């Protein structure tokens, strides 16, 4: 029983957002290709991070308000980062891709060749 409690505690500690990852994400977003003139917001969420940004294109929010861009969650059991994008028409998060490393995920997000995130 004691080892089971230790395992749960260790899993909870490793799934919580880390300050180092938080700063890496903030710095990485400065290198994105789209909407470089706005300042995205990185928020901690249980198990990961959420990115929001003003909607400069006004495609999603005609008033240019802050919208969800992406969510990054670390899947402890599979040891992968899950990247989710927001379906704004339905108001739900959808799985976009999985990445073995955070740096790989950030490169994919910053490139956003198909405009799935930075709309």
PDB file of N, CA and C in Angstrom:
ATOM      1  N   UNK A   1       0.820  -1.188   0.000  1.00  0.00           N
ATOM      2  CA  UNK A   1       0.000   0.000   0.000  1.00  0.00           C
ATOM      3  C   UNK A   1       0.868   1.258   0.000  1.00  0.00           C
ATOM      4  N   UNK A   2       1.930   1.249   0.769  1.00  0.00           N
ATOM      5  CA  UNK A   2       2.812   2.404   0.836  1.00  0.00           C
ATOM      6  C   UNK A   2       3.462   2.679  -0.518  1.00  0.00           C
ATOM      7  N   UNK A   3       3.907   1.630  -1.222  1.00  0.00           N
ATOM      8  CA  UNK A   3       4.529   1.829  -2.528  1.00  0.00           C
ATOM      9  C   UNK A   3       3.512   2.341  -3.549  1.00  0.00           C
ATOM     10  N   UNK A   4       2.252   1.908  -3.410  1.00  0.00           N
ATOM     11  CA  UNK A   4       1.201   2.402  -4.306  1.00  0.00           C
ATOM     12  C   UNK A   4       0.981   3.899  -4.093  1.00  0.00           C
ATOM     13  N   UNK A   5       0.987   4.342  -2.840  1.00  0.00           N
ATOM     14  CA  UNK A   5       0.824   5.769  -2.553  1.00  0.00           C
ATOM     15  C   UNK A   5       2.023   6.556  -3.068  1.00  0.00           C
ATOM     16  N   UNK A   6       3.217   6.007  -2.925  1.00  0.00           N
ATOM     17  CA  UNK A   6       4.414   6.676  -3.434  1.00  0.00           C
ATOM     18  C   UNK A   6       4.364   6.801  -4.947  1.00  0.00           C
ATOM     19  N   UNK A   7       3.898   5.757  -5.617  1.00  0.00           N
ATOM     20  CA  UNK A   7       3.780   5.778  -7.077  1.00  0.00           C
ATOM     21  C   UNK A   7       2.795   6.849  -7.524  1.00  0.00           C
ATOM     22  N   UNK A   8       1.659   6.937  -6.837  1.00  0.00           N
ATOM     23  CA  UNK A   8       0.661   7.962  -7.184  1.00  0.00           C
ATOM     24  C   UNK A   8       1.219   9.367  -6.973  1.00  0.00           C
ATOM     25  N   UNK A   9       1.921   9.563  -5.877  1.00  0.00           N
ATOM     26  CA  UNK A   9       2.502  10.873  -5.586  1.00  0.00           C
ATOM     27  C   UNK A   9       3.542  11.233  -6.647  1.00  0.00           C
ATOM     28  N   UNK A  10       4.394  10.286  -7.014  1.00  0.00           N
ATOM     29  CA  UNK A  10       5.424  10.527  -8.020  1.00  0.00           C
ATOM     30  C   UNK A  10       4.791  10.844  -9.372  1.00  0.00           C
ATOM     31  N   UNK A  11       3.717  10.120  -9.720  1.00  0.00           N
ATOM     32  CA  UNK A  11       3.021  10.366 -10.988  1.00  0.00           C
ATOM     33  C   UNK A  11       2.396  11.757 -10.988  1.00  0.00           C
ATOM     34  N   UNK A  12       1.784  12.164  -9.880  1.00  0.00           N
ATOM     35  CA  UNK A  12       1.186  13.501  -9.794  1.00  0.00           C
ATOM     36  C   UNK A  12       2.247  14.584  -9.918  1.00  0.00           C
ATOM     37  N   UNK A  13       3.395  14.360  -9.277  1.00  0.00           N
ATOM     38  CA  UNK A  13       4.468  15.355  -9.335  1.00  0.00           C
ATOM     39  C   UNK A  13       5.023  15.493 -10.740  1.00  0.00           C
ATOM     40  N   UNK A  14       5.154  14.395 -11.462  1.00  0.00           N
ATOM     41  CA  UNK A  14       5.735  14.469 -12.799  1.00  0.00           C
ATOM     42  C   UNK A  14       4.737  14.959 -13.836  1.00  0.00           C
ATOM     43  N   UNK A  15       3.438  14.907 -13.536  1.00  0.00           N
ATOM     44  CA  UNK A  15       2.457  15.355 -14.520  1.00  0.00           C
ATOM     45  C   UNK A  15       2.115  16.834 -14.355  1.00  0.00           C
ATOM     46  N   UNK A  16       2.550  17.455 -13.277  1.00  0.00           N
ATOM     47  CA  UNK A  16       2.274  18.867 -13.075  1.00  0.00           C
ATOM     48  C   UNK A  16       3.188  19.715 -13.939  1.00  0.00           C
ATOM     49  N   UNK A  17       2.669  20.849 -14.411  1.00  0.00           N
ATOM     50  CA  UNK A  17       3.501  21.738 -15.238  1.00  0.00           C
ATOM     51  C   UNK A  17       4.772  22.180 -14.507  1.00  0.00           C
ATOM     52  N   UNK A  18       5.855  22.241 -15.242  1.00  0.00           N
ATOM     53  CA  UNK A  18       7.158  22.608 -14.685  1.00  0.00           C
ATOM     54  C   UNK A  18       7.529  24.026 -15.109  1.00  0.00           C
ATOM     55  N   UNK A  19       8.176  24.756 -14.211  1.00  0.00           N
ATOM     56  CA  UNK A  19       8.591  26.124 -14.526  1.00  0.00           C
ATOM     57  C   UNK A  19       9.539  26.171 -15.715  1.00  0.00           C
ATOM     58  N   UNK A  20      10.451  25.211 -15.799  1.00  0.00           N
ATOM     59  CA  UNK A  20      11.406  25.197 -16.908  1.00  0.00           C
ATOM     60  C   UNK A  20      10.684  25.027 -18.244  1.00  0.00           C
ATOM     61  N   UNK A  21       9.757  24.086 -18.313  1.00  0.00           N
ATOM     62  CA  UNK A  21       8.979  23.892 -19.540  1.00  0.00           C
ATOM     63  C   UNK A  21       8.158  25.139 -19.859  1.00  0.00           C
ATOM     64  N   UNK A  22       7.590  25.747 -18.843  1.00  0.00           N
ATOM     65  CA  UNK A  22       6.789  26.958 -19.020  1.00  0.00           C
ATOM     66  C   UNK A  22       7.611  28.056 -19.701  1.00  0.00           C
ATOM     67  N   UNK A  23       8.809  28.279 -19.225  1.00  0.00           N
ATOM     68  CA  UNK A  23       9.685  29.305 -19.813  1.00  0.00           C
ATOM     69  C   UNK A  23      10.139  28.903 -21.219  1.00  0.00           C
ATOM     70  N   UNK A  24      10.407  27.620 -21.444  1.00  0.00           N
ATOM     71  CA  UNK A  24      10.783  27.144 -22.795  1.00  0.00           C
ATOM     72  C   UNK A  24       9.666  27.413 -23.793  1.00  0.00           C
ATOM     73  N   UNK A  25       8.445  27.185 -23.382  1.00  0.00           N
ATOM     74  CA  UNK A  25       7.302  27.420 -24.259  1.00  0.00           C
ATOM     75  C   UNK A  25       7.178  28.909 -24.571  1.00  0.00           C
ATOM     76  N   UNK A  26       7.281  29.745 -23.548  1.00  0.00           N
ATOM     77  CA  UNK A  26       7.198  31.187 -23.769  1.00  0.00           C
ATOM     78  C   UNK A  26       8.262  31.669 -24.752  1.00  0.00           C
ATOM     79  N   UNK A  27       9.498  31.241 -24.558  1.00  0.00           N
ATOM     80  CA  UNK A  27      10.590  31.656 -25.453  1.00  0.00           C
ATOM     81  C   UNK A  27      10.389  31.108 -26.866  1.00  0.00           C
ATOM     82  N   UNK A  28       9.929  29.884 -26.964  1.00  0.00           N
ATOM     83  CA  UNK A  28       9.746  29.255 -28.268  1.00  0.00           C
ATOM     84  C   UNK A  28       8.684  29.975 -29.096  1.00  0.00           C
ATOM     85  N   UNK A  29       7.626  30.438 -28.458  1.00  0.00           N
ATOM     86  CA  UNK A  29       6.543  31.097 -29.193  1.00  0.00           C
ATOM     87  C   UNK A  29       6.994  32.384 -29.876  1.00  0.00           C
ATOM     88  N   UNK A  30       8.092  32.947 -29.426  1.00  0.00           N
ATOM     89  CA  UNK A  30       8.633  34.141 -30.074  1.00  0.00           C
ATOM     90  C   UNK A  30       9.160  33.817 -31.474  1.00  0.00           C
ATOM     91  N   UNK A  31       9.387  32.546 -31.764  1.00  0.00           N
ATOM     92  CA  UNK A  31       9.927  32.121 -33.058  1.00  0.00           C
ATOM     93  C   UNK A  31       8.853  31.610 -34.020  1.00  0.00           C
ATOM     94  N   UNK A  32       7.591  31.752 -33.670  1.00  0.00           N
ATOM     95  CA  UNK A  32       6.526  31.232 -34.534  1.00  0.00           C
ATOM     96  C   UNK A  32       6.469  32.023 -35.840  1.00  0.00           C
ATOM     97  N   UNK A  33       5.871  31.426 -36.853  1.00  0.00           N
ATOM     98  CA  UNK A  33       5.789  32.041 -38.181  1.00  0.00           C
ATOM     99  C   UNK A  33       4.571  32.943 -38.333  1.00  0.00           C
ATOM    100  N   UNK A  34       3.490  32.649 -37.658  1.00  0.00           N
ATOM    101  CA  UNK A  34       2.230  33.379 -37.847  1.00  0.00           C
ATOM    102  C   UNK A  34       1.950  34.334 -36.689  1.00  0.00           C
ATOM    103  N   UNK A  35       1.352  35.465 -37.025  1.00  0.00           N
ATOM    104  CA  UNK A  35       0.899  36.453 -36.042  1.00  0.00           C
ATOM    105  C   UNK A  35       1.975  36.801 -35.022  1.00  0.00           C
ATOM    106  N   UNK A  36       3.127  37.135 -35.527  1.00  0.00           N
ATOM    107  CA  UNK A  36       4.267  37.459 -34.665  1.00  0.00           C
ATOM    108  C   UNK A  36       4.090  38.789 -33.938  1.00  0.00           C
ATOM    109  N   UNK A  37       3.134  39.598 -34.359  1.00  0.00           N
ATOM    110  CA  UNK A  37       2.939  40.921 -33.774  1.00  0.00           C
ATOM    111  C   UNK A  37       2.008  40.903 -32.562  1.00  0.00           C
ATOM    112  N   UNK A  38       1.484  39.739 -32.176  1.00  0.00           N
ATOM    113  CA  UNK A  38       0.665  39.642 -30.964  1.00  0.00           C
ATOM    114  C   UNK A  38       1.449  38.877 -29.903  1.00  0.00           C
ATOM    115  N   UNK A  39       1.068  39.066 -28.674  1.00  0.00           N
ATOM    116  CA  UNK A  39       1.738  38.391 -27.554  1.00  0.00           C
ATOM    117  C   UNK A  39       0.853  37.281 -27.013  1.00  0.00           C
ATOM    118  N   UNK A  40       1.204  36.026 -27.318  1.00  0.00           N
ATOM    119  CA  UNK A  40       0.408  34.913 -26.791  1.00  0.00           C
ATOM    120  C   UNK A  40       0.573  34.791 -25.280  1.00  0.00           C
ATOM    121  N   UNK A  41      -0.387  34.156 -24.670  1.00  0.00           N
ATOM    122  CA  UNK A  41      -0.419  33.943 -23.228  1.00  0.00           C
ATOM    123  C   UNK A  41      -0.269  32.444 -22.983  1.00  0.00           C
ATOM    124  N   UNK A  42       0.667  32.060 -22.131  1.00  0.00           N
ATOM    125  CA  UNK A  42       0.845  30.652 -21.764  1.00  0.00           C
ATOM    126  C   UNK A  42       0.274  30.473 -20.361  1.00  0.00           C
ATOM    127  N   UNK A  43      -0.643  29.537 -20.225  1.00  0.00           N
ATOM    128  CA  UNK A  43      -1.283  29.254 -18.948  1.00  0.00           C
ATOM    129  C   UNK A  43      -0.971  27.826 -18.521  1.00  0.00           C
ATOM    130  N   UNK A  44      -0.793  27.620 -17.244  1.00  0.00           N
ATOM    131  CA  UNK A  44      -0.623  26.270 -16.717  1.00  0.00           C
ATOM    132  C   UNK A  44      -2.005  25.625 -16.583  1.00  0.00           C
ATOM    133  N   UNK A  45      -2.082  24.351 -16.947  1.00  0.00           N
ATOM    134  CA  UNK A  45      -3.302  23.570 -16.764  1.00  0.00           C
ATOM    135  C   UNK A  45      -2.892  22.249 -16.123  1.00  0.00           C
ATOM    136  N   UNK A  46      -3.805  21.518 -15.529  1.00  0.00           N
ATOM    137  CA  UNK A  46      -3.431  20.218 -14.971  1.00  0.00           C
ATOM    138  C   UNK A  46      -2.821  19.321 -16.055  1.00  0.00           C
ATOM    139  N   UNK A  47      -1.594  18.921 -15.852  1.00  0.00           N
ATOM    140  CA  UNK A  47      -0.913  18.028 -16.787  1.00  0.00           C
ATOM    141  C   UNK A  47      -0.292  18.710 -17.989  1.00  0.00           C
ATOM    142  N   UNK A  48      -0.301  20.045 -18.043  1.00  0.00           N
ATOM    143  CA  UNK A  48       0.288  20.694 -19.204  1.00  0.00           C
ATOM    144  C   UNK A  48       0.101  22.194 -19.255  1.00  0.00           C
ATOM    145  N   UNK A  49      -0.127  22.695 -20.470  1.00  0.00           N
ATOM    146  CA  UNK A  49      -0.168  24.130 -20.715  1.00  0.00           C
ATOM    147  C   UNK A  49      -1.205  24.441 -21.781  1.00  0.00           C
ATOM    148  N   UNK A  50      -1.756  25.659 -21.715  1.00  0.00           N
ATOM    149  CA  UNK A  50      -2.698  26.136 -22.722  1.00  0.00           C
ATOM    150  C   UNK A  50      -2.186  27.468 -23.245  1.00  0.00           C
ATOM    151  N   UNK A  51      -2.312  27.672 -24.548  1.00  0.00           N
ATOM    152  CA  UNK A  51      -1.873  28.912 -25.174  1.00  0.00           C
ATOM    153  C   UNK A  51      -3.100  29.657 -25.684  1.00  0.00           C
ATOM    154  N   UNK A  52      -3.148  30.942 -25.353  1.00  0.00           N
ATOM    155  CA  UNK A  52      -4.192  31.828 -25.848  1.00  0.00           C
ATOM    156  C   UNK A  52      -3.520  33.008 -26.536  1.00  0.00           C
ATOM    157  N   UNK A  53      -4.285  33.695 -27.391  1.00  0.00           N
ATOM    158  CA  UNK A  53      -3.730  34.839 -28.107  1.00  0.00           C
ATOM    159  C   UNK A  53      -4.863  35.748 -28.576  1.00  0.00           C
ATOM    160  N   UNK A  54      -4.591  37.037 -28.689  1.00  0.00           N
ATOM    161  CA  UNK A  54      -5.589  37.902 -29.327  1.00  0.00           C
ATOM    162  C   UNK A  54      -5.840  37.428 -30.755  1.00  0.00           C
ATOM    163  N   UNK A  55      -7.079  37.525 -31.204  1.00  0.00           N
ATOM    164  CA  UNK A  55      -7.470  37.062 -32.534  1.00  0.00           C
ATOM    165  C   UNK A  55      -7.340  38.211 -33.535  1.00  0.00           C
ATOM    166  N   UNK A  56      -6.145  38.391 -34.068  1.00  0.00           N
ATOM    167  CA  UNK A  56      -5.879  39.508 -34.979  1.00  0.00           C
ATOM    168  C   UNK A  56      -6.559  39.344 -36.331  1.00  0.00           C
ATOM    169  N   UNK A  57      -6.681  38.120 -36.806  1.00  0.00           N
ATOM    170  CA  UNK A  57      -7.286  37.898 -38.124  1.00  0.00           C
ATOM    171  C   UNK A  57      -8.790  38.153 -38.091  1.00  0.00           C
ATOM    172  N   UNK A  58      -9.343  38.066 -36.882  1.00  0.00           N
ATOM    173  CA  UNK A  58     -10.788  38.216 -36.665  1.00  0.00           C
ATOM    174  C   UNK A  58     -11.595  37.110 -37.347  1.00  0.00           C
ATOM    175  N   UNK A  59     -10.905  36.030 -37.737  1.00  0.00           N
ATOM    176  CA  UNK A  59     -11.598  34.869 -38.322  1.00  0.00           C
ATOM    177  C   UNK A  59     -12.437  34.143 -37.277  1.00  0.00           C
ATOM    178  N   UNK A  60     -11.964  34.092 -36.058  1.00  0.00           N
ATOM    179  CA  UNK A  60     -12.646  33.373 -34.987  1.00  0.00           C
ATOM    180  C   UNK A  60     -13.488  34.339 -34.152  1.00  0.00           C
ATOM    181  N   UNK A  61     -12.878  35.443 -33.744  1.00  0.00           N
ATOM    182  CA  UNK A  61     -13.564  36.450 -32.937  1.00  0.00           C
ATOM    183  C   UNK A  61     -13.543  37.777 -33.684  1.00  0.00           C
ATOM    184  N   UNK A  62     -14.677  38.210 -34.221  1.00  0.00           N
ATOM    185  CA  UNK A  62     -14.719  39.449 -34.993  1.00  0.00           C
ATOM    186  C   UNK A  62     -14.267  40.684 -34.213  1.00  0.00           C
ATOM    187  N   UNK A  63     -14.344  40.605 -32.874  1.00  0.00           N
ATOM    188  CA  UNK A  63     -13.932  41.736 -32.043  1.00  0.00           C
ATOM    189  C   UNK A  63     -12.448  41.695 -31.687  1.00  0.00           C
ATOM    190  N   UNK A  64     -11.758  40.651 -32.111  1.00  0.00           N
ATOM    191  CA  UNK A  64     -10.326  40.540 -31.833  1.00  0.00           C
ATOM    192  C   UNK A  64      -9.990  40.145 -30.411  1.00  0.00           C
ATOM    193  N   UNK A  65     -10.922  39.491 -29.728  1.00  0.00           N
ATOM    194  CA  UNK A  65     -10.690  39.060 -28.348  1.00  0.00           C
ATOM    195  C   UNK A  65      -9.682  37.926 -28.252  1.00  0.00           C
ATOM    196  N   UNK A  66      -9.369  37.535 -27.035  1.00  0.00           N
ATOM    197  CA  UNK A  66      -8.415  36.456 -26.772  1.00  0.00           C
ATOM    198  C   UNK A  66      -9.094  35.114 -27.028  1.00  0.00           C
ATOM    199  N   UNK A  67      -8.417  34.247 -27.796  1.00  0.00           N
ATOM    200  CA  UNK A  67      -8.956  32.925 -28.129  1.00  0.00           C
ATOM    201  C   UNK A  67      -7.948  31.836 -27.770  1.00  0.00           C
ATOM    202  N   UNK A  68      -8.429  30.622 -27.638  1.00  0.00           N
ATOM    203  CA  UNK A  68      -7.553  29.476 -27.418  1.00  0.00           C
ATOM    204  C   UNK A  68      -6.836  29.128 -28.712  1.00  0.00           C
ATOM    205  N   UNK A  69      -5.539  28.836 -28.598  1.00  0.00           N
ATOM    206  CA  UNK A  69      -4.720  28.445 -29.745  1.00  0.00           C
ATOM    207  C   UNK A  69      -4.375  26.962 -29.684  1.00  0.00           C
ATOM    208  N   UNK A  70      -3.815  26.531 -28.553  1.00  0.00           N
ATOM    209  CA  UNK A  70      -3.364  25.140 -28.425  1.00  0.00           C
ATOM    210  C   UNK A  70      -3.335  24.731 -26.966  1.00  0.00           C
ATOM    211  N   UNK A  71      -3.384  23.413 -26.752  1.00  0.00           N
ATOM    212  CA  UNK A  71      -3.172  22.852 -25.431  1.00  0.00           C
ATOM    213  C   UNK A  71      -2.148  21.732 -25.569  1.00  0.00           C
ATOM    214  N   UNK A  72      -1.209  21.696 -24.633  1.00  0.00           N
ATOM    215  CA  UNK A  72      -0.159  20.688 -24.617  1.00  0.00           C
ATOM    216  C   UNK A  72      -0.268  19.914 -23.312  1.00  0.00           C
ATOM    217  N   UNK A  73      -0.478  18.622 -23.409  1.00  0.00           N
ATOM    218  CA  UNK A  73      -0.622  17.776 -22.232  1.00  0.00           C
ATOM    219  C   UNK A  73       0.404  16.652 -22.285  1.00  0.00           C
ATOM    220  N   UNK A  74       1.040  16.392 -21.145  1.00  0.00           N
ATOM    221  CA  UNK A  74       1.997  15.292 -21.091  1.00  0.00           C
ATOM    222  C   UNK A  74       1.287  14.039 -20.639  1.00  0.00           C
ATOM    223  N   UNK A  75       1.296  13.029 -21.480  1.00  0.00           N
ATOM    224  CA  UNK A  75       0.689  11.730 -21.187  1.00  0.00           C
ATOM    225  C   UNK A  75       1.736  10.881 -20.476  1.00  0.00           C
ATOM    226  N   UNK A  76       1.618  10.791 -19.165  1.00  0.00           N
ATOM    227  CA  UNK A  76       2.625  10.124 -18.331  1.00  0.00           C
ATOM    228  C   UNK A  76       2.806   8.656 -18.705  1.00  0.00           C
ATOM    229  N   UNK A  77       1.735   7.933 -18.893  1.00  0.00           N
ATOM    230  CA  UNK A  77       1.837   6.491 -19.155  1.00  0.00           C
ATOM    231  C   UNK A  77       2.544   6.190 -20.480  1.00  0.00           C
ATOM    232  N   UNK A  78       2.238   6.969 -21.514  1.00  0.00           N
ATOM    233  CA  UNK A  78       2.857   6.757 -22.827  1.00  0.00           C
ATOM    234  C   UNK A  78       4.149   7.545 -22.992  1.00  0.00           C
ATOM    235  N   UNK A  79       4.400   8.475 -22.071  1.00  0.00           N
ATOM    236  CA  UNK A  79       5.601   9.321 -22.112  1.00  0.00           C
ATOM    237  C   UNK A  79       5.655  10.135 -23.399  1.00  0.00           C
ATOM    238  N   UNK A  80       4.523  10.747 -23.775  1.00  0.00           N
ATOM    239  CA  UNK A  80       4.450  11.588 -24.967  1.00  0.00           C
ATOM    240  C   UNK A  80       3.722  12.885 -24.638  1.00  0.00           C
ATOM    241  N   UNK A  81       4.030  13.896 -25.424  1.00  0.00           N
ATOM    242  CA  UNK A  81       3.305  15.162 -25.365  1.00  0.00           C
ATOM    243  C   UNK A  81       2.168  15.105 -26.369  1.00  0.00           C
ATOM    244  N   UNK A  82       0.965  15.437 -25.939  1.00  0.00           N
ATOM    245  CA  UNK A  82      -0.204  15.488 -26.820  1.00  0.00           C
ATOM    246  C   UNK A  82      -0.490  16.956 -27.135  1.00  0.00           C
ATOM    247  N   UNK A  83      -0.619  17.259 -28.407  1.00  0.00           N
ATOM    248  CA  UNK A  83      -0.924  18.610 -28.859  1.00  0.00           C
ATOM    249  C   UNK A  83      -2.374  18.650 -29.334  1.00  0.00           C
ATOM    250  N   UNK A  84      -3.161  19.512 -28.719  1.00  0.00           N
ATOM    251  CA  UNK A  84      -4.569  19.648 -29.064  1.00  0.00           C
ATOM    252  C   UNK A  84      -4.818  21.024 -29.671  1.00  0.00           C
ATOM    253  N   UNK A  85      -5.762  21.077 -30.582  1.00  0.00           N
ATOM    254  CA  UNK A  85      -6.173  22.355 -31.170  1.00  0.00           C
ATOM    255  C   UNK A  85      -7.652  22.541 -30.899  1.00  0.00           C
ATOM    256  N   UNK A  86      -8.074  23.784 -30.906  1.00  0.00           N
ATOM    257  CA  UNK A  86      -9.470  24.106 -30.582  1.00  0.00           C
ATOM    258  C   UNK A  86     -10.308  24.147 -31.847  1.00  0.00           C
ATOM    259  N   UNK A  87     -11.413  23.422 -31.847  1.00  0.00           N
ATOM    260  CA  UNK A  87     -12.418  23.556 -32.889  1.00  0.00           C
ATOM    261  C   UNK A  87     -13.357  24.648 -32.383  1.00  0.00           C
ATOM    262  N   UNK A  88     -13.139  25.852 -32.838  1.00  0.00           N
ATOM    263  CA  UNK A  88     -13.876  26.998 -32.322  1.00  0.00           C
ATOM    264  C   UNK A  88     -15.354  26.951 -32.681  1.00  0.00           C
ATOM    265  N   UNK A  89     -15.708  26.329 -33.787  1.00  0.00           N
ATOM    266  CA  UNK A  89     -17.119  26.253 -34.161  1.00  0.00           C
ATOM    267  C   UNK A  89     -17.909  25.360 -33.199  1.00  0.00           C
ATOM    268  N   UNK A  90     -17.253  24.309 -32.676  1.00  0.00           N
ATOM    269  CA  UNK A  90     -17.908  23.409 -31.728  1.00  0.00           C
ATOM    270  C   UNK A  90     -17.544  23.708 -30.276  1.00  0.00           C
ATOM    271  N   UNK A  91     -16.462  24.475 -30.089  1.00  0.00           N
ATOM    272  CA  UNK A  91     -16.027  24.810 -28.734  1.00  0.00           C
ATOM    273  C   UNK A  91     -15.369  23.654 -28.001  1.00  0.00           C
ATOM    274  N   UNK A  92     -14.710  22.742 -28.744  1.00  0.00           N
ATOM    275  CA  UNK A  92     -14.083  21.576 -28.119  1.00  0.00           C
ATOM    276  C   UNK A  92     -12.617  21.468 -28.547  1.00  0.00           C
ATOM    277  N   UNK A  93     -11.831  20.807 -27.713  1.00  0.00           N
ATOM    278  CA  UNK A  93     -10.437  20.525 -28.030  1.00  0.00           C
ATOM    279  C   UNK A  93     -10.366  19.214 -28.797  1.00  0.00           C
ATOM    280  N   UNK A  94      -9.507  19.185 -29.838  1.00  0.00           N
ATOM    281  CA  UNK A  94      -9.299  17.977 -30.633  1.00  0.00           C
ATOM    282  C   UNK A  94      -7.820  17.623 -30.633  1.00  0.00           C
ATOM    283  N   UNK A  95      -7.540  16.324 -30.562  1.00  0.00           N
ATOM    284  CA  UNK A  95      -6.153  15.870 -30.634  1.00  0.00           C
ATOM    285  C   UNK A  95      -5.617  16.130 -32.036  1.00  0.00           C
ATOM    286  N   UNK A  96      -4.493  16.818 -32.117  1.00  0.00           N
ATOM    287  CA  UNK A  96      -3.854  17.069 -33.398  1.00  0.00           C
ATOM    288  C   UNK A  96      -2.712  16.085 -33.630  1.00  0.00           C
ATOM    289  N   UNK A  97      -1.834  15.927 -32.625  1.00  0.00           N
ATOM    290  CA  UNK A  97      -0.664  15.070 -32.808  1.00  0.00           C
ATOM    291  C   UNK A  97      -0.045  14.719 -31.462  1.00  0.00           C
ATOM    292  N   UNK A  98       0.859  13.740 -31.497  1.00  0.00           N
ATOM    293  CA  UNK A  98       1.637  13.344 -30.321  1.00  0.00           C
ATOM    294  C   UNK A  98       3.113  13.454 -30.660  1.00  0.00           C
ATOM    295  N   UNK A  99       3.913  13.868 -29.661  1.00  0.00           N
ATOM    296  CA  UNK A  99       5.335  14.096 -29.879  1.00  0.00           C
ATOM    297  C   UNK A  99       6.135  13.530 -28.705  1.00  0.00           C
ATOM    298  N   UNK A 100       7.252  12.921 -29.034  1.00  0.00           N
ATOM    299  CA  UNK A 100       8.105  12.322 -28.009  1.00  0.00           C
ATOM    300  C   UNK A 100       8.797  13.379 -27.143  1.00  0.00           C
ATOM    301  N   UNK A 101       9.046  14.543 -27.736  1.00  0.00           N
ATOM    302  CA  UNK A 101       9.753  15.607 -26.997  1.00  0.00           C
ATOM    303  C   UNK A 101       9.006  16.931 -27.125  1.00  0.00           C
ATOM    304  N   UNK A 102       9.107  17.741 -26.088  1.00  0.00           N
ATOM    305  CA  UNK A 102       8.473  19.054 -26.093  1.00  0.00           C
ATOM    306  C   UNK A 102       9.039  19.935 -27.205  1.00  0.00           C
ATOM    307  N   UNK A 103      10.333  19.873 -27.440  1.00  0.00           N
ATOM    308  CA  UNK A 103      10.953  20.687 -28.495  1.00  0.00           C
ATOM    309  C   UNK A 103      10.366  20.353 -29.864  1.00  0.00           C
ATOM    310  N   UNK A 104      10.119  19.083 -30.113  1.00  0.00           N
ATOM    311  CA  UNK A 104       9.515  18.644 -31.376  1.00  0.00           C
ATOM    312  C   UNK A 104       8.104  19.219 -31.519  1.00  0.00           C
ATOM    313  N   UNK A 105       7.322  19.153 -30.449  1.00  0.00           N
ATOM    314  CA  UNK A 105       5.974  19.702 -30.450  1.00  0.00           C
ATOM    315  C   UNK A 105       5.993  21.204 -30.732  1.00  0.00           C
ATOM    316  N   UNK A 106       6.894  21.927 -30.069  1.00  0.00           N
ATOM    317  CA  UNK A 106       6.969  23.377 -30.243  1.00  0.00           C
ATOM    318  C   UNK A 106       7.382  23.763 -31.658  1.00  0.00           C
ATOM    319  N   UNK A 107       8.277  23.009 -32.254  1.00  0.00           N
ATOM    320  CA  UNK A 107       8.661  23.267 -33.642  1.00  0.00           C
ATOM    321  C   UNK A 107       7.477  23.100 -34.574  1.00  0.00           C
ATOM    322  N   UNK A 108       6.704  22.062 -34.370  1.00  0.00           N
ATOM    323  CA  UNK A 108       5.507  21.797 -35.178  1.00  0.00           C
ATOM    324  C   UNK A 108       4.478  22.913 -34.999  1.00  0.00           C
ATOM    325  N   UNK A 109       4.250  23.317 -33.749  1.00  0.00           N
ATOM    326  CA  UNK A 109       3.283  24.369 -33.453  1.00  0.00           C
ATOM    327  C   UNK A 109       3.725  25.708 -34.042  1.00  0.00           C
ATOM    328  N   UNK A 110       4.993  26.021 -33.927  1.00  0.00           N
ATOM    329  CA  UNK A 110       5.493  27.300 -34.435  1.00  0.00           C
ATOM    330  C   UNK A 110       5.457  27.372 -35.960  1.00  0.00           C
ATOM    331  N   UNK A 111       5.645  26.262 -36.626  1.00  0.00           N
ATOM    332  CA  UNK A 111       5.588  26.235 -38.086  1.00  0.00           C
ATOM    333  C   UNK A 111       4.137  26.368 -38.563  1.00  0.00           C
ATOM    334  N   UNK A 112       3.261  25.551 -38.013  1.00  0.00           N
ATOM    335  CA  UNK A 112       1.827  25.567 -38.311  1.00  0.00           C
ATOM    336  C   UNK A 112       1.541  25.772 -39.800  1.00  0.00           C
ATOM    337  N   UNK A 113       2.110  24.918 -40.615  1.00  0.00           N
ATOM    338  CA  UNK A 113       2.008  25.042 -42.073  1.00  0.00           C
ATOM    339  C   UNK A 113       0.560  25.035 -42.587  1.00  0.00           C
ATOM    340  N   UNK A 114      -0.330  24.323 -41.908  1.00  0.00           N
ATOM    341  CA  UNK A 114      -1.722  24.216 -42.358  1.00  0.00           C
ATOM    342  C   UNK A 114      -2.671  25.174 -41.644  1.00  0.00           C
ATOM    343  N   UNK A 115      -2.126  26.082 -40.836  1.00  0.00           N
ATOM    344  CA  UNK A 115      -2.923  27.069 -40.087  1.00  0.00           C
ATOM    345  C   UNK A 115      -4.007  26.411 -39.240  1.00  0.00           C
ATOM    346  N   UNK A 116      -3.629  25.358 -38.563  1.00  0.00           N
ATOM    347  CA  UNK A 116      -4.578  24.670 -37.677  1.00  0.00           C
ATOM    348  C   UNK A 116      -4.689  25.367 -36.330  1.00  0.00           C
ATOM    349  N   UNK A 117      -3.644  26.061 -35.945  1.00  0.00           N
ATOM    350  CA  UNK A 117      -3.605  26.699 -34.626  1.00  0.00           C
ATOM    351  C   UNK A 117      -3.744  28.216 -34.730  1.00  0.00           C
ATOM    352  N   UNK A 118      -2.819  28.829 -35.450  1.00  0.00           N
ATOM    353  CA  UNK A 118      -2.808  30.287 -35.614  1.00  0.00           C
ATOM    354  C   UNK A 118      -3.701  30.630 -36.802  1.00  0.00           C
ATOM    355  N   UNK A 119      -4.984  30.807 -36.541  1.00  0.00           N
ATOM    356  CA  UNK A 119      -5.969  31.036 -37.584  1.00  0.00           C
ATOM    357  C   UNK A 119      -6.219  32.504 -37.735  1.00  0.00           C
TER     358      UNK A 119
END
